Amino acid sequence: MNKVILMGRLTRDVEMRQTPNGVSLARFSIAVNRRFAGKDAQQQADFINCVAFGRTAEFLERFGRKGTKFVLEG
């Protein structure tokens, strides 16, 4: 089984939708800083697009704003 744990900041506010079945769906992206600096000693970041469903999506809508730091597991 593969597992990923990411810690980063939201790059924009969470975009909420409802599926035809009525399930909440949240789309967002986070910026994750790399643990090592580049050749020029500048901090680099990876931007990762994410999707959450159900209660997790509702939590993100309530508490997630641009710049908020979150830890994600999936």
PDB file of N, CA and C in Angstrom:
ATOM      1  N   MET A   1       0.841  -1.176   0.000  1.00  0.00           N
ATOM      2  CA  MET A   1       0.000   0.000   0.000  1.00  0.00           C
ATOM      3  C   MET A   1       0.887   1.240   0.000  1.00  0.00           C
ATOM      4  N   ASN A   2       0.535   2.210  -0.794  1.00  0.00           N
ATOM      5  CA  ASN A   2       1.260   3.475  -0.853  1.00  0.00           C
ATOM      6  C   ASN A   2       0.570   4.501   0.024  1.00  0.00           C
ATOM      7  N   LYS A   3       1.374   5.339   0.643  1.00  0.00           N
ATOM      8  CA  LYS A   3       0.841   6.362   1.535  1.00  0.00           C
ATOM      9  C   LYS A   3       1.665   7.631   1.343  1.00  0.00           C
ATOM     10  N   VAL A   4       0.972   8.770   1.366  1.00  0.00           N
ATOM     11  CA  VAL A   4       1.667  10.044   1.246  1.00  0.00           C
ATOM     12  C   VAL A   4       1.185  10.966   2.363  1.00  0.00           C
ATOM     13  N   ILE A   5       2.117  11.711   2.931  1.00  0.00           N
ATOM     14  CA  ILE A   5       1.798  12.726   3.936  1.00  0.00           C
ATOM     15  C   ILE A   5       2.418  14.029   3.446  1.00  0.00           C
ATOM     16  N   LEU A   6       1.585  15.046   3.291  1.00  0.00           N
ATOM     17  CA  LEU A   6       2.037  16.339   2.782  1.00  0.00           C
ATOM     18  C   LEU A   6       1.721  17.425   3.795  1.00  0.00           C
ATOM     19  N   MET A   7       2.646  18.358   3.961  1.00  0.00           N
ATOM     20  CA  MET A   7       2.409  19.525   4.795  1.00  0.00           C
ATOM     21  C   MET A   7       2.709  20.752   3.953  1.00  0.00           C
ATOM     22  N   GLY A   8       1.711  21.610   3.819  1.00  0.00           N
ATOM     23  CA  GLY A   8       1.895  22.800   3.006  1.00  0.00           C
ATOM     24  C   GLY A   8       0.784  23.803   3.229  1.00  0.00           C
ATOM     25  N   ARG A   9       0.843  24.873   2.477  1.00  0.00           N
ATOM     26  CA  ARG A   9      -0.147  25.947   2.599  1.00  0.00           C
ATOM     27  C   ARG A   9      -1.054  25.955   1.380  1.00  0.00           C
ATOM     28  N   LEU A  10      -2.330  26.287   1.610  1.00  0.00           N
ATOM     29  CA  LEU A  10      -3.286  26.396   0.512  1.00  0.00           C
ATOM     30  C   LEU A  10      -2.883  27.554  -0.394  1.00  0.00           C
ATOM     31  N   THR A  11      -2.911  27.318  -1.690  1.00  0.00           N
ATOM     32  CA  THR A  11      -2.525  28.359  -2.638  1.00  0.00           C
ATOM     33  C   THR A  11      -3.707  29.232  -3.038  1.00  0.00           C
ATOM     34  N   ARG A  12      -4.923  28.777  -2.753  1.00  0.00           N
ATOM     35  CA  ARG A  12      -6.139  29.535  -3.046  1.00  0.00           C
ATOM     36  C   ARG A  12      -7.247  29.016  -2.147  1.00  0.00           C
ATOM     37  N   ASP A  13      -8.357  29.736  -2.082  1.00  0.00           N
ATOM     38  CA  ASP A  13      -9.496  29.272  -1.298  1.00  0.00           C
ATOM     39  C   ASP A  13     -10.053  27.982  -1.894  1.00  0.00           C
ATOM     40  N   VAL A  14     -10.670  27.180  -1.061  1.00  0.00           N
ATOM     41  CA  VAL A  14     -11.224  25.890  -1.469  1.00  0.00           C
ATOM     42  C   VAL A  14     -12.431  26.105  -2.372  1.00  0.00           C
ATOM     43  N   GLU A  15     -12.496  25.347  -3.464  1.00  0.00           N
ATOM     44  CA  GLU A  15     -13.625  25.404  -4.396  1.00  0.00           C
ATOM     45  C   GLU A  15     -14.563  24.240  -4.082  1.00  0.00           C
ATOM     46  N   MET A  16     -15.791  24.563  -3.655  1.00  0.00           N
ATOM     47  CA  MET A  16     -16.754  23.533  -3.250  1.00  0.00           C
ATOM     48  C   MET A  16     -17.767  23.249  -4.353  1.00  0.00           C
ATOM     49  N   ARG A  17     -18.162  21.968  -4.438  1.00  0.00           N
ATOM     50  CA  ARG A  17     -19.208  21.525  -5.355  1.00  0.00           C
ATOM     51  C   ARG A  17     -19.980  20.397  -4.687  1.00  0.00           C
ATOM     52  N   GLN A  18     -21.094  20.028  -5.292  1.00  0.00           N
ATOM     53  CA  GLN A  18     -21.888  18.883  -4.856  1.00  0.00           C
ATOM     54  C   GLN A  18     -21.959  17.904  -6.026  1.00  0.00           C
ATOM     55  N   THR A  19     -21.784  16.616  -5.748  1.00  0.00           N
ATOM     56  CA  THR A  19     -21.975  15.606  -6.784  1.00  0.00           C
ATOM     57  C   THR A  19     -23.471  15.434  -7.006  1.00  0.00           C
ATOM     58  N   PRO A  20     -23.886  14.796  -8.100  1.00  0.00           N
ATOM     59  CA  PRO A  20     -25.328  14.555  -8.310  1.00  0.00           C
ATOM     60  C   PRO A  20     -25.983  13.765  -7.166  1.00  0.00           C
ATOM     61  N   ASN A  21     -25.192  12.988  -6.447  1.00  0.00           N
ATOM     62  CA  ASN A  21     -25.708  12.218  -5.308  1.00  0.00           C
ATOM     63  C   ASN A  21     -25.777  13.044  -4.031  1.00  0.00           C
ATOM     64  N   GLY A  22     -25.313  14.290  -4.069  1.00  0.00           N
ATOM     65  CA  GLY A  22     -25.363  15.161  -2.903  1.00  0.00           C
ATOM     66  C   GLY A  22     -24.138  15.100  -2.009  1.00  0.00           C
ATOM     67  N   VAL A  23     -23.056  14.474  -2.474  1.00  0.00           N
ATOM     68  CA  VAL A  23     -21.824  14.385  -1.685  1.00  0.00           C
ATOM     69  C   VAL A  23     -20.992  15.646  -1.918  1.00  0.00           C
ATOM     70  N   SER A  24     -20.472  16.228  -0.855  1.00  0.00           N
ATOM     71  CA  SER A  24     -19.630  17.423  -0.957  1.00  0.00           C
ATOM     72  C   SER A  24     -18.293  17.061  -1.587  1.00  0.00           C
ATOM     73  N   LEU A  25     -17.790  17.968  -2.431  1.00  0.00           N
ATOM     74  CA  LEU A  25     -16.520  17.764  -3.111  1.00  0.00           C
ATOM     75  C   LEU A  25     -15.742  19.069  -3.050  1.00  0.00           C
ATOM     76  N   ALA A  26     -14.506  19.013  -2.576  1.00  0.00           N
ATOM     77  CA  ALA A  26     -13.656  20.208  -2.467  1.00  0.00           C
ATOM     78  C   ALA A  26     -12.424  20.045  -3.348  1.00  0.00           C
ATOM     79  N   ARG A  27     -12.134  21.055  -4.133  1.00  0.00           N
ATOM     80  CA  ARG A  27     -10.916  21.078  -4.950  1.00  0.00           C
ATOM     81  C   ARG A  27     -10.029  22.199  -4.427  1.00  0.00           C
ATOM     82  N   PHE A  28      -8.743  21.888  -4.292  1.00  0.00           N
ATOM     83  CA  PHE A  28      -7.795  22.873  -3.787  1.00  0.00           C
ATOM     84  C   PHE A  28      -6.397  22.447  -4.183  1.00  0.00           C
ATOM     85  N   SER A  29      -5.437  23.311  -3.981  1.00  0.00           N
ATOM     86  CA  SER A  29      -4.040  22.961  -4.212  1.00  0.00           C
ATOM     87  C   SER A  29      -3.208  23.493  -3.057  1.00  0.00           C
ATOM     88  N   ILE A  30      -2.122  22.772  -2.779  1.00  0.00           N
ATOM     89  CA  ILE A  30      -1.221  23.194  -1.713  1.00  0.00           C
ATOM     90  C   ILE A  30       0.192  23.332  -2.251  1.00  0.00           C
ATOM     91  N   ALA A  31       0.946  24.230  -1.635  1.00  0.00           N
ATOM     92  CA  ALA A  31       2.354  24.433  -1.958  1.00  0.00           C
ATOM     93  C   ALA A  31       3.169  23.757  -0.863  1.00  0.00           C
ATOM     94  N   VAL A  32       3.997  22.797  -1.266  1.00  0.00           N
ATOM     95  CA  VAL A  32       4.827  22.042  -0.327  1.00  0.00           C
ATOM     96  C   VAL A  32       6.279  22.427  -0.568  1.00  0.00           C
ATOM     97  N   ASN A  33       6.940  22.960   0.457  1.00  0.00           N
ATOM     98  CA  ASN A  33       8.351  23.324   0.335  1.00  0.00           C
ATOM     99  C   ASN A  33       9.212  22.067   0.289  1.00  0.00           C
ATOM    100  N   ARG A  34      10.222  22.101  -0.543  1.00  0.00           N
ATOM    101  CA  ARG A  34      11.169  20.985  -0.610  1.00  0.00           C
ATOM    102  C   ARG A  34      12.102  21.062   0.592  1.00  0.00           C
ATOM    103  N   ARG A  35      12.570  19.925   1.025  1.00  0.00           N
ATOM    104  CA  ARG A  35      13.431  19.871   2.211  1.00  0.00           C
ATOM    105  C   ARG A  35      14.853  20.341   1.912  1.00  0.00           C
ATOM    106  N   PHE A  36      15.226  20.385   0.657  1.00  0.00           N
ATOM    107  CA  PHE A  36      16.562  20.808   0.293  1.00  0.00           C
ATOM    108  C   PHE A  36      16.491  22.025  -0.609  1.00  0.00           C
ATOM    109  N   ALA A  37      17.523  22.835  -0.554  1.00  0.00           N
ATOM    110  CA  ALA A  37      17.574  24.041  -1.381  1.00  0.00           C
ATOM    111  C   ALA A  37      18.132  23.686  -2.749  1.00  0.00           C
ATOM    112  N   GLY A  38      17.825  24.497  -3.717  1.00  0.00           N
ATOM    113  CA  GLY A  38      18.339  24.299  -5.069  1.00  0.00           C
ATOM    114  C   GLY A  38      19.805  24.690  -5.158  1.00  0.00           C
ATOM    115  N   LYS A  39      20.344  24.652  -6.358  1.00  0.00           N
ATOM    116  CA  LYS A  39      21.752  24.978  -6.579  1.00  0.00           C
ATOM    117  C   LYS A  39      22.083  26.406  -6.164  1.00  0.00           C
ATOM    118  N   ASP A  40      21.119  27.310  -6.328  1.00  0.00           N
ATOM    119  CA  ASP A  40      21.349  28.709  -5.983  1.00  0.00           C
ATOM    120  C   ASP A  40      20.869  29.031  -4.567  1.00  0.00           C
ATOM    121  N   ALA A  41      20.619  27.999  -3.743  1.00  0.00           N
ATOM    122  CA  ALA A  41      20.217  28.135  -2.327  1.00  0.00           C
ATOM    123  C   ALA A  41      18.859  28.799  -2.153  1.00  0.00           C
ATOM    124  N   GLN A  42      18.049  28.809  -3.190  1.00  0.00           N
ATOM    125  CA  GLN A  42      16.692  29.329  -3.102  1.00  0.00           C
ATOM    126  C   GLN A  42      15.752  28.205  -2.675  1.00  0.00           C
ATOM    127  N   GLN A  43      14.810  28.518  -1.799  1.00  0.00           N
ATOM    128  CA  GLN A  43      13.809  27.527  -1.393  1.00  0.00           C
ATOM    129  C   GLN A  43      12.880  27.246  -2.572  1.00  0.00           C
ATOM    130  N   GLN A  44      12.582  25.984  -2.832  1.00  0.00           N
ATOM    131  CA  GLN A  44      11.697  25.606  -3.923  1.00  0.00           C
ATOM    132  C   GLN A  44      10.435  24.971  -3.363  1.00  0.00           C
ATOM    133  N   ALA A  45       9.362  25.046  -4.127  1.00  0.00           N
ATOM    134  CA  ALA A  45       8.088  24.467  -3.692  1.00  0.00           C
ATOM    135  C   ALA A  45       7.466  23.673  -4.824  1.00  0.00           C
ATOM    136  N   ASP A  46       6.723  22.632  -4.461  1.00  0.00           N
ATOM    137  CA  ASP A  46       5.927  21.859  -5.405  1.00  0.00           C
ATOM    138  C   ASP A  46       4.466  22.212  -5.164  1.00  0.00           C
ATOM    139  N   PHE A  47       3.695  22.357  -6.238  1.00  0.00           N
ATOM    140  CA  PHE A  47       2.284  22.691  -6.139  1.00  0.00           C
ATOM    141  C   PHE A  47       1.478  21.448  -6.494  1.00  0.00           C
ATOM    142  N   ILE A  48       0.661  20.993  -5.550  1.00  0.00           N
ATOM    143  CA  ILE A  48      -0.040  19.729  -5.691  1.00  0.00           C
ATOM    144  C   ILE A  48      -1.552  19.981  -5.660  1.00  0.00           C
ATOM    145  N   ASN A  49      -2.246  19.529  -6.705  1.00  0.00           N
ATOM    146  CA  ASN A  49      -3.704  19.630  -6.773  1.00  0.00           C
ATOM    147  C   ASN A  49      -4.321  18.484  -5.990  1.00  0.00           C
ATOM    148  N   CYS A  50      -5.370  18.774  -5.213  1.00  0.00           N
ATOM    149  CA  CYS A  50      -5.998  17.783  -4.353  1.00  0.00           C
ATOM    150  C   CYS A  50      -7.517  17.858  -4.470  1.00  0.00           C
ATOM    151  N   VAL A  51      -8.174  16.743  -4.108  1.00  0.00           N
ATOM    152  CA  VAL A  51      -9.630  16.656  -4.059  1.00  0.00           C
ATOM    153  C   VAL A  51      -9.999  15.950  -2.767  1.00  0.00           C
ATOM    154  N   ALA A  52     -11.019  16.472  -2.069  1.00  0.00           N
ATOM    155  CA  ALA A  52     -11.513  15.851  -0.839  1.00  0.00           C
ATOM    156  C   ALA A  52     -13.024  15.677  -0.965  1.00  0.00           C
ATOM    157  N   PHE A  53     -13.555  14.647  -0.288  1.00  0.00           N
ATOM    158  CA  PHE A  53     -14.972  14.320  -0.362  1.00  0.00           C
ATOM    159  C   PHE A  53     -15.598  14.313   1.026  1.00  0.00           C
ATOM    160  N   GLY A  54     -16.917  14.471   1.056  1.00  0.00           N
ATOM    161  CA  GLY A  54     -17.697  14.281   2.279  1.00  0.00           C
ATOM    162  C   GLY A  54     -17.362  15.263   3.385  1.00  0.00           C
ATOM    163  N   ARG A  55     -17.230  14.712   4.603  1.00  0.00           N
ATOM    164  CA  ARG A  55     -16.983  15.557   5.776  1.00  0.00           C
ATOM    165  C   ARG A  55     -15.636  16.261   5.713  1.00  0.00           C
ATOM    166  N   THR A  56     -14.665  15.636   5.096  1.00  0.00           N
ATOM    167  CA  THR A  56     -13.355  16.271   4.945  1.00  0.00           C
ATOM    168  C   THR A  56     -13.490  17.521   4.078  1.00  0.00           C
ATOM    169  N   ALA A  57     -14.262  17.435   3.013  1.00  0.00           N
ATOM    170  CA  ALA A  57     -14.489  18.591   2.137  1.00  0.00           C
ATOM    171  C   ALA A  57     -15.189  19.712   2.892  1.00  0.00           C
ATOM    172  N   GLU A  58     -16.170  19.368   3.713  1.00  0.00           N
ATOM    173  CA  GLU A  58     -16.889  20.374   4.496  1.00  0.00           C
ATOM    174  C   GLU A  58     -15.974  21.038   5.522  1.00  0.00           C
ATOM    175  N   PHE A  59     -15.068  20.265   6.132  1.00  0.00           N
ATOM    176  CA  PHE A  59     -14.092  20.816   7.075  1.00  0.00           C
ATOM    177  C   PHE A  59     -13.185  21.816   6.369  1.00  0.00           C
ATOM    178  N   LEU A  60     -12.699  21.439   5.195  1.00  0.00           N
ATOM    179  CA  LEU A  60     -11.812  22.336   4.441  1.00  0.00           C
ATOM    180  C   LEU A  60     -12.516  23.614   4.028  1.00  0.00           C
ATOM    181  N   GLU A  61     -13.785  23.508   3.659  1.00  0.00           N
ATOM    182  CA  GLU A  61     -14.535  24.703   3.285  1.00  0.00           C
ATOM    183  C   GLU A  61     -14.671  25.646   4.478  1.00  0.00           C
ATOM    184  N   ARG A  62     -14.874  25.081   5.640  1.00  0.00           N
ATOM    185  CA  ARG A  62     -15.090  25.893   6.840  1.00  0.00           C
ATOM    186  C   ARG A  62     -13.806  26.561   7.332  1.00  0.00           C
ATOM    187  N   PHE A  63     -12.697  25.835   7.336  1.00  0.00           N
ATOM    188  CA  PHE A  63     -11.465  26.335   7.948  1.00  0.00           C
ATOM    189  C   PHE A  63     -10.355  26.677   6.956  1.00  0.00           C
ATOM    190  N   GLY A  64     -10.482  26.284   5.707  1.00  0.00           N
ATOM    191  CA  GLY A  64      -9.401  26.488   4.742  1.00  0.00           C
ATOM    192  C   GLY A  64      -9.504  27.795   3.993  1.00  0.00           C
ATOM    193  N   ARG A  65      -8.519  28.628   4.139  1.00  0.00           N
ATOM    194  CA  ARG A  65      -8.401  29.871   3.379  1.00  0.00           C
ATOM    195  C   ARG A  65      -6.993  29.929   2.786  1.00  0.00           C
ATOM    196  N   LYS A  66      -6.816  30.756   1.805  1.00  0.00           N
ATOM    197  CA  LYS A  66      -5.507  30.903   1.172  1.00  0.00           C
ATOM    198  C   LYS A  66      -4.454  31.193   2.227  1.00  0.00           C
ATOM    199  N   GLY A  67      -3.366  30.420   2.213  1.00  0.00           N
ATOM    200  CA  GLY A  67      -2.273  30.618   3.149  1.00  0.00           C
ATOM    201  C   GLY A  67      -2.363  29.773   4.412  1.00  0.00           C
ATOM    202  N   THR A  68      -3.483  29.081   4.635  1.00  0.00           N
ATOM    203  CA  THR A  68      -3.630  28.235   5.810  1.00  0.00           C
ATOM    204  C   THR A  68      -2.784  26.986   5.662  1.00  0.00           C
ATOM    205  N   LYS A  69      -2.054  26.622   6.714  1.00  0.00           N
ATOM    206  CA  LYS A  69      -1.204  25.437   6.669  1.00  0.00           C
ATOM    207  C   LYS A  69      -2.002  24.209   7.070  1.00  0.00           C
ATOM    208  N   PHE A  70      -1.877  23.129   6.269  1.00  0.00           N
ATOM    209  CA  PHE A  70      -2.558  21.877   6.525  1.00  0.00           C
ATOM    210  C   PHE A  70      -1.592  20.710   6.360  1.00  0.00           C
ATOM    211  N   VAL A  71      -1.891  19.625   7.050  1.00  0.00           N
ATOM    212  CA  VAL A  71      -1.197  18.359   6.855  1.00  0.00           C
ATOM    213  C   VAL A  71      -2.219  17.398   6.263  1.00  0.00           C
ATOM    214  N   LEU A  72      -1.878  16.800   5.122  1.00  0.00           N
ATOM    215  CA  LEU A  72      -2.777  15.885   4.421  1.00  0.00           C
ATOM    216  C   LEU A  72      -2.186  14.482   4.404  1.00  0.00           C
ATOM    217  N   GLU A  73      -3.064  13.490   4.481  1.00  0.00           N
ATOM    218  CA  GLU A  73      -2.640  12.093   4.396  1.00  0.00           C
ATOM    219  C   GLU A  73      -3.549  11.387   3.406  1.00  0.00           C
ATOM    220  N   GLY A  74      -2.960  10.605   2.549  1.00  0.00           N
ATOM    221  CA  GLY A  74      -3.782   9.895   1.571  1.00  0.00           C
ATOM    222  C   GLY A  74      -3.050   8.753   0.944  1.00  0.00           C
TER     223      GLY A  74
END
